[in-house]
Amino acid sequence: MKSFLLPLLSLLLILGACTSAVKQSEETPFEARELFPEPPRAEGQSDVIELRCDPIDTVHVAFIGLGGRGKGAVRRYTFLDGVKIVALCDLVQENLDISQEILQEAGLPKADIYSGPEDWQKVCEREDVDLVYVCTHWDLHTPIAVYAMEQGKHVASEVPIAISIEECWQLVNTAELTRRHCMQLENCNYDFFELATLNMVRQGLLGEIVHAEGAYIHDLRQGMYNEKTGYWEMWRLRHNETRNANLYPTHGFGPICHTLNIHRGDKMEYLVS
């Protein structure tokens, strides 16, 4: 008899809690709170949503960070017209050598090499660089991007371009003050599947979009725990150890924003997580 009463009592407690939660939610209307208010802008500072810059016939590109993402980016850029890769920067000599081989295989001239811990600053300071492409570990994405824009360079960065709200505003303020383009290269926005879906939405094939969900599932244990073939100095594992969050939500969220025309005639009122 006791073995029967215990599960029954547990069930009644759960039902009671659920009923209480439903009643409370009905009585307490949802109210969005502004947890991260927009900081004051400097006088004369304006947004860069429709920023136009003078065209560049041949874009001189510098790559900073040549790990897994960086070497792949170098290879992709060898297929682009109107591009000249002028500088490669990384702490690991093997990454520099492989990237140079990629250029040679494509019939392109070698790029200048930088390998010191602070050499990324020298790269940003070069007068012949138009675009700095950041592919380092996450901690350096914002510092490099900000410094590059301050040196008059446009910036492209791998995901995530920032790891805090404060860094996000550093990027926004620097881009607005320097009038330089600063773009997060969110690869999940521009893959075949996402662009095909976006095109279908814009063609009206899916009707009016009233609900959207996004997520990203990727088993990265091999890269995080393998000291020989994994991430340099286990940097990614450290982020997973010390941060409790979706570390790059734009993989799922970015395509949804494109579909819903966020910043292109619509905006988010609130975000729930």
Protein backbone atom coordinates (compact mmCIF):
# COMPACT_ATOMS: atom_id res chain seq x y z
CA MET A 1 0.00 0.00 0.00
CA LYS A 2 2.84 2.39 0.87
CA SER A 3 4.48 1.71 -2.50
CA PHE A 4 1.24 2.84 -4.17
CA LEU A 5 0.68 5.96 -2.04
CA LEU A 6 4.13 7.45 -2.59
CA PRO A 7 3.85 7.77 -6.41
CA LEU A 8 0.27 9.06 -6.03
CA LEU A 9 1.37 11.73 -3.56
CA SER A 10 4.21 12.77 -5.88
CA LEU A 11 1.79 13.09 -8.79
CA LEU A 12 -0.58 15.27 -6.76
CA LEU A 13 2.27 17.56 -5.74
CA ILE A 14 3.39 17.95 -9.37
CA LEU A 15 -0.15 18.71 -10.54
CA GLY A 16 -0.57 21.23 -7.76
CA ALA A 17 2.65 22.99 -8.71
CA CYS A 18 1.65 23.09 -12.39
CA THR A 19 -1.77 24.53 -11.53
CA SER A 20 -0.16 27.18 -9.35
CA ALA A 21 2.30 28.12 -12.11
CA VAL A 22 -0.49 28.42 -14.69
CA LYS A 23 -2.59 30.56 -12.34
CA GLN A 24 0.37 32.82 -11.60
CA SER A 25 1.18 33.28 -15.28
CA GLU A 26 -2.43 34.21 -16.00
CA GLU A 27 -2.45 36.81 -13.24
CA THR A 28 1.00 38.28 -14.01
CA PRO A 29 1.22 39.76 -17.52
CA PHE A 30 4.56 39.52 -19.29
CA GLU A 31 6.56 42.73 -19.27
CA ALA A 32 9.72 43.06 -21.33
CA ARG A 33 12.62 44.60 -19.41
CA GLU A 34 15.48 46.46 -21.01
CA LEU A 35 18.44 44.70 -19.44
CA PHE A 36 21.01 46.20 -21.80
CA PRO A 37 20.02 49.82 -22.51
CA GLU A 38 21.65 51.62 -25.40
CA PRO A 39 24.62 53.66 -24.13
CA PRO A 40 24.90 57.35 -25.07
CA ARG A 41 26.55 58.10 -28.41
CA ALA A 42 29.28 60.65 -28.96
CA GLU A 43 28.18 63.93 -30.51
CA GLY A 44 27.85 63.59 -34.26
CA GLN A 45 28.04 59.79 -34.17
CA SER A 46 25.58 58.04 -36.49
CA ASP A 47 24.78 54.47 -37.44
CA VAL A 48 26.37 52.52 -40.28
CA ILE A 49 23.34 50.51 -41.39
CA GLU A 50 23.47 52.07 -44.87
CA LEU A 51 27.18 52.92 -44.89
CA ARG A 52 28.68 53.47 -48.34
CA CYS A 53 32.45 53.57 -48.90
CA ASP A 54 34.48 54.33 -52.00
CA PRO A 55 34.89 51.24 -54.22
CA ILE A 56 38.25 49.45 -54.22
CA ASP A 57 39.41 47.94 -57.52
CA THR A 58 41.66 45.33 -55.88
CA VAL A 59 41.03 44.60 -52.21
CA HIS A 60 44.26 43.96 -50.31
CA VAL A 61 43.48 41.41 -47.60
CA ALA A 62 45.38 40.42 -44.45
CA PHE A 63 44.50 37.23 -42.57
CA ILE A 64 45.09 37.12 -38.82
CA GLY A 65 44.74 33.61 -37.40
CA LEU A 66 45.38 30.60 -39.63
CA GLY A 67 43.97 27.66 -37.72
CA GLY A 68 41.15 25.52 -39.07
CA ARG A 69 38.94 28.46 -40.02
CA GLY A 70 41.78 30.68 -41.22
CA LYS A 71 43.37 28.26 -43.67
CA GLY A 72 39.97 27.49 -45.15
CA ALA A 73 39.28 31.20 -45.57
CA VAL A 74 42.60 31.72 -47.35
CA ARG A 75 41.75 28.91 -49.77
CA ARG A 76 38.31 30.39 -50.51
CA TYR A 77 39.78 33.82 -51.19
CA THR A 78 42.10 32.39 -53.84
CA PHE A 79 39.01 31.88 -56.01
CA LEU A 80 37.87 35.52 -55.81
CA ASP A 81 38.56 38.12 -58.45
CA GLY A 82 39.67 41.57 -57.36
CA VAL A 83 41.46 40.26 -54.27
CA LYS A 84 45.14 40.23 -53.33
CA ILE A 85 46.29 38.47 -50.16
CA VAL A 86 49.19 40.55 -48.86
CA ALA A 87 49.74 39.37 -45.26
CA LEU A 88 49.40 36.20 -43.19
CA CYS A 89 49.66 36.26 -39.39
CA ASP A 90 49.74 33.34 -36.95
CA LEU A 91 51.74 32.11 -33.96
CA VAL A 92 52.20 28.61 -35.40
CA GLN A 93 54.78 28.31 -38.18
CA GLU A 94 53.10 25.23 -39.66
CA ASN A 95 49.90 27.21 -40.22
CA LEU A 96 51.87 29.92 -42.01
CA ASP A 97 53.64 27.37 -44.21
CA ILE A 98 50.40 25.63 -45.20
CA SER A 99 48.73 28.95 -46.02
CA GLN A 100 51.66 29.96 -48.22
CA GLU A 101 51.39 26.62 -50.02
CA ILE A 102 47.70 27.31 -50.65
CA LEU A 103 48.64 30.58 -52.35
CA GLN A 104 51.36 28.92 -54.43
CA GLU A 105 49.04 26.10 -55.53
CA ALA A 106 46.60 28.76 -56.76
CA GLY A 107 49.37 30.46 -58.74
CA LEU A 108 49.37 33.51 -56.48
CA PRO A 109 52.38 35.36 -55.06
CA LYS A 110 53.53 34.70 -51.52
CA ALA A 111 52.22 36.96 -48.78
CA ASP A 112 54.25 38.68 -46.07
CA ILE A 113 54.54 36.63 -42.88
CA TYR A 114 53.93 37.75 -39.29
CA SER A 115 54.38 35.38 -36.34
CA GLY A 116 54.91 37.40 -33.14
CA PRO A 117 52.32 37.60 -30.32
CA GLU A 118 51.66 41.28 -31.03
CA ASP A 119 52.33 41.20 -34.78
CA TRP A 120 48.62 41.48 -35.52
CA GLN A 121 48.96 45.16 -34.62
CA LYS A 122 51.69 45.58 -37.25
CA VAL A 123 49.40 43.95 -39.81
CA CYS A 124 46.58 46.38 -38.98
CA GLU A 125 48.97 49.31 -39.30
CA ARG A 126 50.08 48.47 -42.85
CA GLU A 127 49.07 51.19 -45.29
CA ASP A 128 48.44 48.74 -48.14
CA VAL A 129 45.82 46.65 -46.29
CA ASP A 130 42.15 47.35 -47.06
CA LEU A 131 40.49 44.44 -45.23
CA VAL A 132 41.55 42.57 -42.09
CA TYR A 133 40.04 39.09 -41.83
CA VAL A 134 40.06 37.85 -38.20
CA CYS A 135 40.18 34.08 -37.64
CA THR A 136 41.90 33.88 -34.24
CA HIS A 137 40.57 32.41 -31.01
CA TRP A 138 37.53 34.27 -29.72
CA ASP A 139 39.26 36.43 -27.10
CA LEU A 140 41.02 38.45 -29.81
CA HIS A 141 38.15 38.96 -32.25
CA THR A 142 36.96 42.28 -30.83
CA PRO A 143 40.39 43.73 -29.88
CA ILE A 144 41.76 43.09 -33.37
CA ALA A 145 38.60 44.35 -35.09
CA VAL A 146 38.56 47.57 -33.06
CA TYR A 147 42.25 48.26 -33.62
CA ALA A 148 42.00 47.52 -37.34
CA MET A 149 39.11 49.96 -37.78
CA GLU A 150 41.02 52.58 -35.83
CA GLN A 151 43.80 52.14 -38.41
CA GLY A 152 41.32 52.78 -41.22
CA LYS A 153 40.75 49.15 -42.21
CA HIS A 154 37.51 47.35 -42.97
CA VAL A 155 37.01 44.21 -40.88
CA ALA A 156 35.55 40.75 -41.38
CA SER A 157 35.50 38.33 -38.46
CA GLU A 158 34.65 34.73 -37.82
CA VAL A 159 31.90 33.87 -35.33
CA PRO A 160 31.53 35.17 -32.67
CA ILE A 161 32.78 38.65 -33.38
CA ALA A 162 32.23 39.54 -29.69
CA ILE A 163 31.85 37.61 -26.44
CA SER A 164 30.10 40.24 -24.29
CA ILE A 165 27.63 43.10 -24.56
CA GLU A 166 30.47 45.51 -23.80
CA GLU A 167 32.47 44.18 -26.76
CA CYS A 168 29.42 44.49 -29.02
CA TRP A 169 29.17 48.20 -28.22
CA GLN A 170 32.92 48.64 -28.72
CA LEU A 171 32.48 47.34 -32.25
CA VAL A 172 29.40 49.44 -32.96
CA ASN A 173 30.95 52.64 -31.63
CA THR A 174 34.25 52.11 -33.43
CA ALA A 175 32.55 51.33 -36.75
CA GLU A 176 30.32 54.40 -36.43
CA LEU A 177 33.16 56.73 -35.48
CA THR A 178 35.64 55.45 -38.09
CA ARG A 179 32.98 54.86 -40.81
CA ARG A 180 34.48 51.45 -41.59
CA HIS A 181 32.62 48.28 -42.49
CA CYS A 182 32.67 45.65 -39.74
CA MET A 183 31.01 42.35 -40.63
CA GLN A 184 30.61 39.10 -38.75
CA LEU A 185 31.02 36.33 -41.32
CA GLU A 186 28.21 34.17 -39.98
CA ASN A 187 28.62 31.17 -42.25
CA CYS A 188 25.24 29.72 -41.31
CA ASN A 189 23.55 32.77 -42.84
CA TYR A 190 25.04 32.21 -46.26
CA ASP A 191 25.08 28.45 -46.84
CA PHE A 192 23.02 26.91 -49.63
CA PHE A 193 20.16 25.77 -47.40
CA GLU A 194 19.71 29.10 -45.60
CA LEU A 195 19.90 31.19 -48.76
CA ALA A 196 17.49 28.88 -50.59
CA THR A 197 15.02 29.19 -47.71
CA LEU A 198 15.43 32.97 -47.63
CA ASN A 199 14.79 33.16 -51.37
CA MET A 200 11.63 31.05 -51.00
CA VAL A 201 10.36 33.38 -48.28
CA ARG A 202 11.05 36.50 -50.35
CA GLN A 203 9.35 34.94 -53.37
CA GLY A 204 6.25 34.37 -51.22
CA LEU A 205 6.34 30.59 -51.57
CA LEU A 206 5.90 30.08 -47.81
CA GLY A 207 3.30 32.77 -47.24
CA GLU A 208 3.48 35.04 -44.20
CA ILE A 209 6.03 33.87 -41.62
CA VAL A 210 4.41 34.05 -38.19
CA HIS A 211 6.69 31.71 -36.21
CA ALA A 212 10.34 30.71 -36.51
CA GLU A 213 12.70 28.54 -34.48
CA GLY A 214 16.41 27.97 -34.84
CA ALA A 215 19.12 25.90 -33.21
CA TYR A 216 22.59 24.55 -33.83
CA ILE A 217 23.83 21.10 -32.81
CA HIS A 218 27.48 20.24 -33.37
CA ASP A 219 29.48 17.60 -31.50
CA LEU A 220 32.84 19.29 -30.91
CA ARG A 221 34.30 16.91 -28.34
CA GLN A 222 37.00 15.66 -30.71
CA GLY A 223 38.29 19.18 -31.21
CA MET A 224 38.00 20.24 -27.59
CA TYR A 225 39.62 17.24 -25.90
CA ASN A 226 42.31 16.15 -28.37
CA GLU A 227 45.48 18.06 -27.51
CA LYS A 228 47.25 17.07 -30.74
CA THR A 229 44.55 17.72 -33.34
CA GLY A 230 42.17 19.96 -31.39
CA TYR A 231 41.94 23.69 -30.86
CA TRP A 232 45.18 25.58 -30.22
CA GLU A 233 46.10 25.42 -26.51
CA MET A 234 42.59 24.11 -25.79
CA TRP A 235 41.16 27.62 -26.02
CA ARG A 236 37.67 26.50 -26.89
CA LEU A 237 37.44 24.12 -23.94
CA ARG A 238 38.23 27.03 -21.61
CA HIS A 239 35.21 28.94 -22.93
CA ASN A 240 32.98 25.94 -22.28
CA GLU A 241 34.39 25.58 -18.77
CA THR A 242 33.91 29.20 -17.75
CA ARG A 243 30.82 30.35 -19.64
CA ASN A 244 27.25 29.11 -19.30
CA ALA A 245 25.54 30.24 -22.47
CA ASN A 246 24.91 29.62 -26.14
CA LEU A 247 28.38 30.67 -27.27
CA TYR A 248 27.36 31.69 -30.78
CA PRO A 249 23.56 31.91 -31.05
CA THR A 250 23.73 33.57 -34.46
CA HIS A 251 24.11 30.14 -36.09
CA GLY A 252 20.42 29.53 -35.45
CA PHE A 253 19.28 33.09 -34.89
CA GLY A 254 20.94 34.81 -37.85
CA PRO A 255 19.00 33.10 -40.65
CA ILE A 256 15.77 33.80 -38.76
CA CYS A 257 16.63 37.51 -38.57
CA HIS A 258 17.23 37.54 -42.33
CA THR A 259 13.90 35.82 -42.93
CA LEU A 260 11.99 38.23 -40.68
CA ASN A 261 13.73 41.31 -42.13
CA ILE A 262 15.24 42.36 -38.82
CA HIS A 263 17.03 45.70 -39.35
CA ARG A 264 15.51 45.79 -42.83
CA GLY A 265 12.14 47.22 -41.93
CA ASP A 266 11.46 45.32 -38.72
CA LYS A 267 13.09 44.99 -35.32
CA MET A 268 13.08 42.77 -32.25
CA GLU A 269 10.96 43.99 -29.36
CA TYR A 270 12.34 41.55 -26.79
CA LEU A 271 14.42 38.40 -26.51
CA VAL A 272 13.56 35.44 -24.29
CA SER A 273 16.05 32.73 -23.35
